[in-house]
Amino acid sequence: ISNSDGRQYYVDSVKGRFTISSDNAKSTVYLQMNSLKPEDTAVYYC
């Protein structure tokens, strides 16, 4: 996510399932993951 204008990017494998968002007042970015699959298992880094 671009914190300046809110532009978002998703890799094809998570489109429609994951949503990225930003709360600039809290300097925090979120990744909402829905419809999770076993292949989503991983260590996630920001």
ModelCIF file with pLDDT and N, C-alpha, C, O atoms, coordinates in Angstrom:
data_MODEL
#
_entry.id   MODEL 
#
_entity.id                         1 
_entity.type                       polymer 
_entity.pdbx_number_of_molecules   1 
#
_entity_poly.entity_id                      1 
_entity_poly.type                           'polypeptide(L)' 
_entity_poly.nstd_linkage                   no 
_entity_poly.nstd_monomer                   no 
_entity_poly.pdbx_seq_one_letter_code       ISNSDGRQYYVDSVKGRFTISSDNAKSTVYLQMNSLKPEDTAVYYC 
_entity_poly.pdbx_seq_one_letter_code_can   ISNSDGRQYYVDSVKGRFTISSDNAKSTVYLQMNSLKPEDTAVYYC 
_entity_poly.pdbx_strand_id                 A 
#
loop_
_entity_poly_seq.entity_id 
_entity_poly_seq.num 
_entity_poly_seq.mon_id 
_entity_poly_seq.hetero 
1 1  ILE n 
1 2  SER n 
1 3  ASN n 
1 4  SER n 
1 5  ASP n 
1 6  GLY n 
1 7  ARG n 
1 8  GLN n 
1 9  TYR n 
1 10 TYR n 
1 11 VAL n 
1 12 ASP n 
1 13 SER n 
1 14 VAL n 
1 15 LYS n 
1 16 GLY n 
1 17 ARG n 
1 18 PHE n 
1 19 THR n 
1 20 ILE n 
1 21 SER n 
1 22 SER n 
1 23 ASP n 
1 24 ASN n 
1 25 ALA n 
1 26 LYS n 
1 27 SER n 
1 28 THR n 
1 29 VAL n 
1 30 TYR n 
1 31 LEU n 
1 32 GLN n 
1 33 MET n 
1 34 ASN n 
1 35 SER n 
1 36 LEU n 
1 37 LYS n 
1 38 PRO n 
1 39 GLU n 
1 40 ASP n 
1 41 THR n 
1 42 ALA n 
1 43 VAL n 
1 44 TYR n 
1 45 TYR n 
1 46 CYS n 
#
_struct_asym.id          A 
_struct_asym.entity_id   1 
#
loop_
_ma_qa_metric.id 
_ma_qa_metric.mode 
_ma_qa_metric.name 
_ma_qa_metric.software_group_id 
_ma_qa_metric.type 
1 global pLDDT . pLDDT 
2 local  pLDDT . pLDDT 
#
_ma_qa_metric_global.metric_id      1 
_ma_qa_metric_global.metric_value   96.67 
_ma_qa_metric_global.model_id       1 
_ma_qa_metric_global.ordinal_id     1 
#
loop_
_ma_qa_metric_local.label_asym_id 
_ma_qa_metric_local.label_comp_id 
_ma_qa_metric_local.label_seq_id 
_ma_qa_metric_local.metric_id 
_ma_qa_metric_local.metric_value 
_ma_qa_metric_local.model_id 
_ma_qa_metric_local.ordinal_id 
A ILE 1  2 98.00 1 1  
A SER 2  2 95.00 1 2  
A ASN 3  2 88.00 1 3  
A SER 4  2 88.00 1 4  
A ASP 5  2 90.00 1 5  
A GLY 6  2 92.00 1 6  
A ARG 7  2 96.00 1 7  
A GLN 8  2 98.00 1 8  
A TYR 9  2 98.00 1 9  
A TYR 10 2 98.00 1 10 
A VAL 11 2 98.00 1 11 
A ASP 12 2 98.00 1 12 
A SER 13 2 98.00 1 13 
A VAL 14 2 98.00 1 14 
A LYS 15 2 98.00 1 15 
A GLY 16 2 98.00 1 16 
A ARG 17 2 98.00 1 17 
A PHE 18 2 98.00 1 18 
A THR 19 2 98.00 1 19 
A ILE 20 2 98.00 1 20 
A SER 21 2 97.00 1 21 
A SER 22 2 96.00 1 22 
A ASP 23 2 95.00 1 23 
A ASN 24 2 92.00 1 24 
A ALA 25 2 94.00 1 25 
A LYS 26 2 96.00 1 26 
A SER 27 2 96.00 1 27 
A THR 28 2 97.00 1 28 
A VAL 29 2 98.00 1 29 
A TYR 30 2 98.00 1 30 
A LEU 31 2 98.00 1 31 
A GLN 32 2 98.00 1 32 
A MET 33 2 98.00 1 33 
A ASN 34 2 98.00 1 34 
A SER 35 2 98.00 1 35 
A LEU 36 2 98.00 1 36 
A LYS 37 2 98.00 1 37 
A PRO 38 2 98.00 1 38 
A GLU 39 2 97.00 1 39 
A ASP 40 2 98.00 1 40 
A THR 41 2 98.00 1 41 
A ALA 42 2 98.00 1 42 
A VAL 43 2 98.00 1 43 
A TYR 44 2 98.00 1 44 
A TYR 45 2 98.00 1 45 
A CYS 46 2 98.00 1 46 
#
loop_
_atom_site.group_PDB 
_atom_site.id 
_atom_site.type_symbol 
_atom_site.label_atom_id 
_atom_site.label_alt_id 
_atom_site.label_comp_id 
_atom_site.label_asym_id 
_atom_site.label_entity_id 
_atom_site.label_seq_id 
_atom_site.pdbx_PDB_ins_code 
_atom_site.Cartn_x 
_atom_site.Cartn_y 
_atom_site.Cartn_z 
_atom_site.occupancy 
_atom_site.B_iso_or_equiv 
_atom_site.pdbx_formal_charge 
_atom_site.auth_seq_id 
_atom_site.auth_comp_id 
_atom_site.auth_asym_id 
_atom_site.auth_atom_id 
_atom_site.pdbx_PDB_model_num 
ATOM 1   N N  . ILE A 1 1  ? 0.840   -1.189  0.000  1.00 98.00 ? 1  ILE A N  1 
ATOM 2   C CA . ILE A 1 1  ? 0.000   0.000   0.000  1.00 98.00 ? 1  ILE A CA 1 
ATOM 3   C C  . ILE A 1 1  ? 0.876   1.239   0.000  1.00 98.00 ? 1  ILE A C  1 
ATOM 4   O O  . ILE A 1 1  ? 1.918   1.284   0.655  1.00 98.00 ? 1  ILE A O  1 
ATOM 5   N N  . SER A 1 2  ? 0.435   2.248   -0.748 1.00 95.00 ? 2  SER A N  1 
ATOM 6   C CA . SER A 1 2  ? 1.077   3.551   -0.736 1.00 95.00 ? 2  SER A CA 1 
ATOM 7   C C  . SER A 1 2  ? 0.400   4.409   0.325  1.00 95.00 ? 2  SER A C  1 
ATOM 8   O O  . SER A 1 2  ? -0.795  4.688   0.231  1.00 95.00 ? 2  SER A O  1 
ATOM 9   N N  . ASN A 1 3  ? 1.151   4.821   1.321  1.00 88.00 ? 3  ASN A N  1 
ATOM 10  C CA . ASN A 1 3  ? 0.568   5.626   2.391  1.00 88.00 ? 3  ASN A CA 1 
ATOM 11  C C  . ASN A 1 3  ? 0.254   7.048   1.957  1.00 88.00 ? 3  ASN A C  1 
ATOM 12  O O  . ASN A 1 3  ? -0.468  7.757   2.657  1.00 88.00 ? 3  ASN A O  1 
ATOM 13  N N  . SER A 1 4  ? 0.784   7.483   0.809  1.00 88.00 ? 4  SER A N  1 
ATOM 14  C CA . SER A 1 4  ? 0.512   8.831   0.332  1.00 88.00 ? 4  SER A CA 1 
ATOM 15  C C  . SER A 1 4  ? -0.823  8.953   -0.376 1.00 88.00 ? 4  SER A C  1 
ATOM 16  O O  . SER A 1 4  ? -1.504  9.966   -0.222 1.00 88.00 ? 4  SER A O  1 
ATOM 17  N N  . ASP A 1 5  ? -1.224  7.928   -1.164 1.00 90.00 ? 5  ASP A N  1 
ATOM 18  C CA . ASP A 1 5  ? -2.452  8.034   -1.940 1.00 90.00 ? 5  ASP A CA 1 
ATOM 19  C C  . ASP A 1 5  ? -3.355  6.809   -1.855 1.00 90.00 ? 5  ASP A C  1 
ATOM 20  O O  . ASP A 1 5  ? -4.406  6.779   -2.495 1.00 90.00 ? 5  ASP A O  1 
ATOM 21  N N  . GLY A 1 6  ? -2.970  5.801   -1.082 1.00 92.00 ? 6  GLY A N  1 
ATOM 22  C CA . GLY A 1 6  ? -3.808  4.639   -0.860 1.00 92.00 ? 6  GLY A CA 1 
ATOM 23  C C  . GLY A 1 6  ? -3.778  3.578   -1.938 1.00 92.00 ? 6  GLY A C  1 
ATOM 24  O O  . GLY A 1 6  ? -4.542  2.616   -1.856 1.00 92.00 ? 6  GLY A O  1 
ATOM 25  N N  . ARG A 1 7  ? -2.928  3.710   -2.946 1.00 96.00 ? 7  ARG A N  1 
ATOM 26  C CA . ARG A 1 7  ? -2.823  2.684   -3.978 1.00 96.00 ? 7  ARG A CA 1 
ATOM 27  C C  . ARG A 1 7  ? -2.503  1.330   -3.354 1.00 96.00 ? 7  ARG A C  1 
ATOM 28  O O  . ARG A 1 7  ? -1.752  1.258   -2.381 1.00 96.00 ? 7  ARG A O  1 
ATOM 29  N N  . GLN A 1 8  ? -3.068  0.258   -3.907 1.00 98.00 ? 8  GLN A N  1 
ATOM 30  C CA . GLN A 1 8  ? -2.912  -1.080  -3.373 1.00 98.00 ? 8  GLN A CA 1 
ATOM 31  C C  . GLN A 1 8  ? -2.461  -2.041  -4.456 1.00 98.00 ? 8  GLN A C  1 
ATOM 32  O O  . GLN A 1 8  ? -2.849  -1.921  -5.618 1.00 98.00 ? 8  GLN A O  1 
ATOM 33  N N  . TYR A 1 9  ? -1.650  -2.980  -4.062 1.00 98.00 ? 9  TYR A N  1 
ATOM 34  C CA . TYR A 1 9  ? -1.179  -4.045  -4.943 1.00 98.00 ? 9  TYR A CA 1 
ATOM 35  C C  . TYR A 1 9  ? -1.421  -5.388  -4.256 1.00 98.00 ? 9  TYR A C  1 
ATOM 36  O O  . TYR A 1 9  ? -1.260  -5.516  -3.042 1.00 98.00 ? 9  TYR A O  1 
ATOM 37  N N  . TYR A 1 10 ? -1.816  -6.397  -5.061 1.00 98.00 ? 10 TYR A N  1 
ATOM 38  C CA . TYR A 1 10 ? -1.966  -7.756  -4.563 1.00 98.00 ? 10 TYR A CA 1 
ATOM 39  C C  . TYR A 1 10 ? -1.390  -8.732  -5.577 1.00 98.00 ? 10 TYR A C  1 
ATOM 40  O O  . TYR A 1 10 ? -1.593  -8.585  -6.782 1.00 98.00 ? 10 TYR A O  1 
ATOM 41  N N  . VAL A 1 11 ? -0.677  -9.721  -5.080 1.00 98.00 ? 11 VAL A N  1 
ATOM 42  C CA . VAL A 1 11 ? -0.254  -10.803 -5.946 1.00 98.00 ? 11 VAL A CA 1 
ATOM 43  C C  . VAL A 1 11 ? -1.503  -11.606 -6.342 1.00 98.00 ? 11 VAL A C  1 
ATOM 44  O O  . VAL A 1 11 ? -2.461  -11.689 -5.574 1.00 98.00 ? 11 VAL A O  1 
ATOM 45  N N  . ASP A 1 12 ? -1.482  -12.193 -7.543 1.00 98.00 ? 12 ASP A N  1 
ATOM 46  C CA . ASP A 1 12 ? -2.675  -12.840 -8.084 1.00 98.00 ? 12 ASP A CA 1 
ATOM 47  C C  . ASP A 1 12 ? -3.264  -13.893 -7.147 1.00 98.00 ? 12 ASP A C  1 
ATOM 48  O O  . ASP A 1 12 ? -4.484  -14.037 -7.068 1.00 98.00 ? 12 ASP A O  1 
ATOM 49  N N  . SER A 1 13 ? -2.420  -14.617 -6.449 1.00 98.00 ? 13 SER A N  1 
ATOM 50  C CA . SER A 1 13 ? -2.886  -15.733 -5.638 1.00 98.00 ? 13 SER A CA 1 
ATOM 51  C C  . SER A 1 13 ? -3.738  -15.310 -4.436 1.00 98.00 ? 13 SER A C  1 
ATOM 52  O O  . SER A 1 13 ? -4.421  -16.147 -3.846 1.00 98.00 ? 13 SER A O  1 
ATOM 53  N N  . VAL A 1 14 ? -3.708  -14.030 -4.067 1.00 98.00 ? 14 VAL A N  1 
ATOM 54  C CA . VAL A 1 14 ? -4.491  -13.581 -2.911 1.00 98.00 ? 14 VAL A CA 1 
ATOM 55  C C  . VAL A 1 14 ? -5.572  -12.583 -3.283 1.00 98.00 ? 14 VAL A C  1 
ATOM 56  O O  . VAL A 1 14 ? -6.319  -12.143 -2.409 1.00 98.00 ? 14 VAL A O  1 
ATOM 57  N N  . LYS A 1 15 ? -5.680  -12.212 -4.552 1.00 98.00 ? 15 LYS A N  1 
ATOM 58  C CA . LYS A 1 15 ? -6.703  -11.256 -4.968 1.00 98.00 ? 15 LYS A CA 1 
ATOM 59  C C  . LYS A 1 15 ? -8.093  -11.788 -4.652 1.00 98.00 ? 15 LYS A C  1 
ATOM 60  O O  . LYS A 1 15 ? -8.406  -12.944 -4.935 1.00 98.00 ? 15 LYS A O  1 
ATOM 61  N N  . GLY A 1 16 ? -8.917  -10.939 -4.068 1.00 98.00 ? 16 GLY A N  1 
ATOM 62  C CA . GLY A 1 16 ? -10.256 -11.324 -3.678 1.00 98.00 ? 16 GLY A CA 1 
ATOM 63  C C  . GLY A 1 16 ? -10.348 -11.952 -2.308 1.00 98.00 ? 16 GLY A C  1 
ATOM 64  O O  . GLY A 1 16 ? -11.446 -12.122 -1.779 1.00 98.00 ? 16 GLY A O  1 
ATOM 65  N N  . ARG A 1 17 ? -9.213  -12.300 -1.722 1.00 98.00 ? 17 ARG A N  1 
ATOM 66  C CA . ARG A 1 17 ? -9.201  -12.917 -0.398 1.00 98.00 ? 17 ARG A CA 1 
ATOM 67  C C  . ARG A 1 17 ? -8.542  -12.028 0.656  1.00 98.00 ? 17 ARG A C  1 
ATOM 68  O O  . ARG A 1 17 ? -8.984  -11.998 1.804  1.00 98.00 ? 17 ARG A O  1 
ATOM 69  N N  . PHE A 1 18 ? -7.492  -11.308 0.272  1.00 98.00 ? 18 PHE A N  1 
ATOM 70  C CA . PHE A 1 18 ? -6.751  -10.461 1.208  1.00 98.00 ? 18 PHE A CA 1 
ATOM 71  C C  . PHE A 1 18 ? -7.047  -8.995  0.914  1.00 98.00 ? 18 PHE A C  1 
ATOM 72  O O  . PHE A 1 18 ? -7.271  -8.617  -0.236 1.00 98.00 ? 18 PHE A O  1 
ATOM 73  N N  . THR A 1 19 ? -7.046  -8.174  1.959  1.00 98.00 ? 19 THR A N  1 
ATOM 74  C CA . THR A 1 19 ? -7.228  -6.744  1.824  1.00 98.00 ? 19 THR A CA 1 
ATOM 75  C C  . THR A 1 19 ? -6.203  -6.019  2.681  1.00 98.00 ? 19 THR A C  1 
ATOM 76  O O  . THR A 1 19 ? -6.083  -6.284  3.877  1.00 98.00 ? 19 THR A O  1 
ATOM 77  N N  . ILE A 1 20 ? -5.464  -5.101  2.061  1.00 98.00 ? 20 ILE A N  1 
ATOM 78  C CA . ILE A 1 20 ? -4.509  -4.292  2.797  1.00 98.00 ? 20 ILE A CA 1 
ATOM 79  C C  . ILE A 1 20 ? -5.138  -2.938  3.100  1.00 98.00 ? 20 ILE A C  1 
ATOM 80  O O  . ILE A 1 20 ? -5.887  -2.401  2.284  1.00 98.00 ? 20 ILE A O  1 
ATOM 81  N N  . SER A 1 21 ? -4.837  -2.393  4.257  1.00 97.00 ? 21 SER A N  1 
ATOM 82  C CA . SER A 1 21 ? -5.346  -1.087  4.634  1.00 97.00 ? 21 SER A CA 1 
ATOM 83  C C  . SER A 1 21 ? -4.338  -0.395  5.532  1.00 97.00 ? 21 SER A C  1 
ATOM 84  O O  . SER A 1 21 ? -3.432  -1.026  6.077  1.00 97.00 ? 21 SER A O  1 
ATOM 85  N N  . SER A 1 22 ? -4.509  0.910   5.677  1.00 96.00 ? 22 SER A N  1 
ATOM 86  C CA . SER A 1 22 ? -3.569  1.700   6.457  1.00 96.00 ? 22 SER A CA 1 
ATOM 87  C C  . SER A 1 22 ? -4.305  2.687   7.342  1.00 96.00 ? 22 SER A C  1 
ATOM 88  O O  . SER A 1 22 ? -5.258  3.333   6.908  1.00 96.00 ? 22 SER A O  1 
ATOM 89  N N  . ASP A 1 23 ? -3.867  2.797   8.563  1.00 95.00 ? 23 ASP A N  1 
ATOM 90  C CA . ASP A 1 23 ? -4.352  3.815   9.490  1.00 95.00 ? 23 ASP A CA 1 
ATOM 91  C C  . ASP A 1 23 ? -3.185  4.755   9.733  1.00 95.00 ? 23 ASP A C  1 
ATOM 92  O O  . ASP A 1 23 ? -2.329  4.493   10.577 1.00 95.00 ? 23 ASP A O  1 
ATOM 93  N N  . ASN A 1 24 ? -3.158  5.849   8.988  1.00 92.00 ? 24 ASN A N  1 
ATOM 94  C CA . ASN A 1 24 ? -2.010  6.748   9.056  1.00 92.00 ? 24 ASN A CA 1 
ATOM 95  C C  . ASN A 1 24 ? -1.867  7.410   10.428 1.00 92.00 ? 24 ASN A C  1 
ATOM 96  O O  . ASN A 1 24 ? -0.753  7.695   10.866 1.00 92.00 ? 24 ASN A O  1 
ATOM 97  N N  . ALA A 1 25 ? -2.983  7.651   11.101 1.00 94.00 ? 25 ALA A N  1 
ATOM 98  C CA . ALA A 1 25 ? -2.927  8.263   12.425 1.00 94.00 ? 25 ALA A CA 1 
ATOM 99  C C  . ALA A 1 25 ? -2.204  7.371   13.422 1.00 94.00 ? 25 ALA A C  1 
ATOM 100 O O  . ALA A 1 25 ? -1.577  7.861   14.361 1.00 94.00 ? 25 ALA A O  1 
ATOM 101 N N  . LYS A 1 26 ? -2.291  6.065   13.218 1.00 96.00 ? 26 LYS A N  1 
ATOM 102 C CA . LYS A 1 26 ? -1.636  5.100   14.099 1.00 96.00 ? 26 LYS A CA 1 
ATOM 103 C C  . LYS A 1 26 ? -0.340  4.556   13.521 1.00 96.00 ? 26 LYS A C  1 
ATOM 104 O O  . LYS A 1 26 ? 0.325   3.741   14.161 1.00 96.00 ? 26 LYS A O  1 
ATOM 105 N N  . SER A 1 27 ? 0.030   4.992   12.320 1.00 96.00 ? 27 SER A N  1 
ATOM 106 C CA . SER A 1 27 ? 1.212   4.475   11.617 1.00 96.00 ? 27 SER A CA 1 
ATOM 107 C C  . SER A 1 27 ? 1.192   2.952   11.583 1.00 96.00 ? 27 SER A C  1 
ATOM 108 O O  . SER A 1 27 ? 2.197   2.299   11.863 1.00 96.00 ? 27 SER A O  1 
ATOM 109 N N  . THR A 1 28 ? 0.042   2.399   11.239 1.00 97.00 ? 28 THR A N  1 
ATOM 110 C CA . THR A 1 28 ? -0.149  0.958   11.242 1.00 97.00 ? 28 THR A CA 1 
ATOM 111 C C  . THR A 1 28 ? -0.806  0.511   9.943  1.00 97.00 ? 28 THR A C  1 
ATOM 112 O O  . THR A 1 28 ? -1.759  1.130   9.471  1.00 97.00 ? 28 THR A O  1 
ATOM 113 N N  . VAL A 1 29 ? -0.287  -0.566  9.374  1.00 98.00 ? 29 VAL A N  1 
ATOM 114 C CA . VAL A 1 29 ? -0.853  -1.199  8.188  1.00 98.00 ? 29 VAL A CA 1 
ATOM 115 C C  . VAL A 1 29 ? -1.388  -2.562  8.577  1.00 98.00 ? 29 VAL A C  1 
ATOM 116 O O  . VAL A 1 29 ? -0.783  -3.276  9.377  1.00 98.00 ? 29 VAL A O  1 
ATOM 117 N N  . TYR A 1 30 ? -2.532  -2.917  8.001  1.00 98.00 ? 30 TYR A N  1 
ATOM 118 C CA . TYR A 1 30 ? -3.184  -4.175  8.300  1.00 98.00 ? 30 TYR A CA 1 
ATOM 119 C C  . TYR A 1 30 ? -3.278  -5.032  7.049  1.00 98.00 ? 30 TYR A C  1 
ATOM 120 O O  . TYR A 1 30 ? -3.338  -4.518  5.932  1.00 98.00 ? 30 TYR A O  1 
ATOM 121 N N  . LEU A 1 31 ? -3.289  -6.330  7.247  1.00 98.00 ? 31 LEU A N  1 
ATOM 122 C CA . LEU A 1 31 ? -3.573  -7.265  6.172  1.00 98.00 ? 31 LEU A CA 1 
ATOM 123 C C  . LEU A 1 31 ? -4.684  -8.189  6.651  1.00 98.00 ? 31 LEU A C  1 
ATOM 124 O O  . LEU A 1 31 ? -4.456  -9.078  7.471  1.00 98.00 ? 31 LEU A O  1 
ATOM 125 N N  . GLN A 1 32 ? -5.888  -7.969  6.131  1.00 98.00 ? 32 GLN A N  1 
ATOM 126 C CA . GLN A 1 32 ? -7.020  -8.826  6.442  1.00 98.00 ? 32 GLN A CA 1 
ATOM 127 C C  . GLN A 1 32 ? -7.002  -10.006 5.486  1.00 98.00 ? 32 GLN A C  1 
ATOM 128 O O  . GLN A 1 32 ? -7.102  -9.825  4.273  1.00 98.00 ? 32 GLN A O  1 
ATOM 129 N N  . MET A 1 33 ? -6.877  -11.199 6.018  1.00 98.00 ? 33 MET A N  1 
ATOM 130 C CA . MET A 1 33 ? -6.796  -12.414 5.227  1.00 98.00 ? 33 MET A CA 1 
ATOM 131 C C  . MET A 1 33 ? -8.054  -13.229 5.463  1.00 98.00 ? 33 MET A C  1 
ATOM 132 O O  . MET A 1 33 ? -8.351  -13.612 6.595  1.00 98.00 ? 33 MET A O  1 
ATOM 133 N N  . ASN A 1 34 ? -8.790  -13.493 4.396  1.00 98.00 ? 34 ASN A N  1 
ATOM 134 C CA . ASN A 1 34 ? -10.003 -14.290 4.457  1.00 98.00 ? 34 ASN A CA 1 
ATOM 135 C C  . ASN A 1 34 ? -9.857  -15.521 3.569  1.00 98.00 ? 34 ASN A C  1 
ATOM 136 O O  . ASN A 1 34 ? -8.970  -15.589 2.719  1.00 98.00 ? 34 ASN A O  1 
ATOM 137 N N  . SER A 1 35 ? -10.737 -16.483 3.781  1.00 98.00 ? 35 SER A N  1 
ATOM 138 C CA . SER A 1 35 ? -10.739 -17.716 2.982  1.00 98.00 ? 35 SER A CA 1 
ATOM 139 C C  . SER A 1 35 ? -9.355  -18.333 2.905  1.00 98.00 ? 35 SER A C  1 
ATOM 140 O O  . SER A 1 35 ? -8.880  -18.690 1.827  1.00 98.00 ? 35 SER A O  1 
ATOM 141 N N  . LEU A 1 36 ? -8.719  -18.452 4.048  1.00 98.00 ? 36 LEU A N  1 
ATOM 142 C CA . LEU A 1 36 ? -7.343  -18.934 4.082  1.00 98.00 ? 36 LEU A CA 1 
ATOM 143 C C  . LEU A 1 36 ? -7.233  -20.383 3.630  1.00 98.00 ? 36 LEU A C  1 
ATOM 144 O O  . LEU A 1 36 ? -8.120  -21.204 3.864  1.00 98.00 ? 36 LEU A O  1 
ATOM 145 N N  . LYS A 1 37 ? -6.115  -20.665 2.977  1.00 98.00 ? 37 LYS A N  1 
ATOM 146 C CA . LYS A 1 37 ? -5.806  -21.984 2.445  1.00 98.00 ? 37 LYS A CA 1 
ATOM 147 C C  . LYS A 1 37 ? -4.517  -22.490 3.071  1.00 98.00 ? 37 LYS A C  1 
ATOM 148 O O  . LYS A 1 37 ? -3.704  -21.685 3.524  1.00 98.00 ? 37 LYS A O  1 
ATOM 149 N N  . PRO A 1 38 ? -4.308  -23.806 3.110  1.00 98.00 ? 38 PRO A N  1 
ATOM 150 C CA . PRO A 1 38 ? -3.048  -24.324 3.649  1.00 98.00 ? 38 PRO A CA 1 
ATOM 151 C C  . PRO A 1 38 ? -1.817  -23.732 2.973  1.00 98.00 ? 38 PRO A C  1 
ATOM 152 O O  . PRO A 1 38 ? -0.791  -23.549 3.626  1.00 98.00 ? 38 PRO A O  1 
ATOM 153 N N  . GLU A 1 39 ? -1.896  -23.429 1.682  1.00 97.00 ? 39 GLU A N  1 
ATOM 154 C CA . GLU A 1 39 ? -0.756  -22.857 0.983  1.00 97.00 ? 39 GLU A CA 1 
ATOM 155 C C  . GLU A 1 39 ? -0.441  -21.427 1.395  1.00 97.00 ? 39 GLU A C  1 
ATOM 156 O O  . GLU A 1 39 ? 0.578   -20.878 0.977  1.00 97.00 ? 39 GLU A O  1 
ATOM 157 N N  . ASP A 1 40 ? -1.298  -20.813 2.210  1.00 98.00 ? 40 ASP A N  1 
ATOM 158 C CA . ASP A 1 40 ? -1.002  -19.504 2.776  1.00 98.00 ? 40 ASP A CA 1 
ATOM 159 C C  . ASP A 1 40 ? -0.091  -19.599 3.996  1.00 98.00 ? 40 ASP A C  1 
ATOM 160 O O  . ASP A 1 40 ? 0.384   -18.579 4.495  1.00 98.00 ? 40 ASP A O  1 
ATOM 161 N N  . THR A 1 41 ? 0.154   -20.802 4.476  1.00 98.00 ? 41 THR A N  1 
ATOM 162 C CA . THR A 1 41 ? 1.016   -20.993 5.642  1.00 98.00 ? 41 THR A CA 1 
ATOM 163 C C  . THR A 1 41 ? 2.415   -20.476 5.351  1.00 98.00 ? 41 THR A C  1 
ATOM 164 O O  . THR A 1 41 ? 3.042   -20.881 4.372  1.00 98.00 ? 41 THR A O  1 
ATOM 165 N N  . ALA A 1 42 ? 2.901   -19.583 6.199  1.00 98.00 ? 42 ALA A N  1 
ATOM 166 C CA . ALA A 1 42 ? 4.207   -18.964 5.987  1.00 98.00 ? 42 ALA A CA 1 
ATOM 167 C C  . ALA A 1 42 ? 4.505   -18.035 7.152  1.00 98.00 ? 42 ALA A C  1 
ATOM 168 O O  . ALA A 1 42 ? 3.631   -17.744 7.969  1.00 98.00 ? 42 ALA A O  1 
ATOM 169 N N  . VAL A 1 43 ? 5.750   -17.573 7.219  1.00 98.00 ? 43 VAL A N  1 
ATOM 170 C CA . VAL A 1 43 ? 6.087   -16.440 8.062  1.00 98.00 ? 43 VAL A CA 1 
ATOM 171 C C  . VAL A 1 43 ? 5.804   -15.185 7.246  1.00 98.00 ? 43 VAL A C  1 
ATOM 172 O O  . VAL A 1 43 ? 6.288   -15.048 6.123  1.00 98.00 ? 43 VAL A O  1 
ATOM 173 N N  . TYR A 1 44 ? 5.030   -14.281 7.806  1.00 98.00 ? 44 TYR A N  1 
ATOM 174 C CA . TYR A 1 44 ? 4.658   -13.047 7.137  1.00 98.00 ? 44 TYR A CA 1 
ATOM 175 C C  . TYR A 1 44 ? 5.466   -11.887 7.694  1.00 98.00 ? 44 TYR A C  1 
ATOM 176 O O  . TYR A 1 44 ? 5.586   -11.729 8.909  1.00 98.00 ? 44 TYR A O  1 
ATOM 177 N N  . TYR A 1 45 ? 6.021   -11.075 6.795  1.00 98.00 ? 45 TYR A N  1 
ATOM 178 C CA . TYR A 1 45 ? 6.840   -9.930  7.150  1.00 98.00 ? 45 TYR A CA 1 
ATOM 179 C C  . TYR A 1 45 ? 6.241   -8.662  6.566  1.00 98.00 ? 45 TYR A C  1 
ATOM 180 O O  . TYR A 1 45 ? 5.700   -8.683  5.460  1.00 98.00 ? 45 TYR A O  1 
ATOM 181 N N  . CYS A 1 46 ? 6.331   -7.563  7.295  1.00 98.00 ? 46 CYS A N  1 
ATOM 182 C CA . CYS A 1 46 ? 6.062   -6.275  6.682  1.00 98.00 ? 46 CYS A CA 1 
ATOM 183 C C  . CYS A 1 46 ? 7.379   -5.548  6.460  1.00 98.00 ? 46 CYS A C  1 
ATOM 184 O O  . CYS A 1 46 ? 7.388   -4.429  5.947  1.00 98.00 ? 46 CYS A O  1 
#
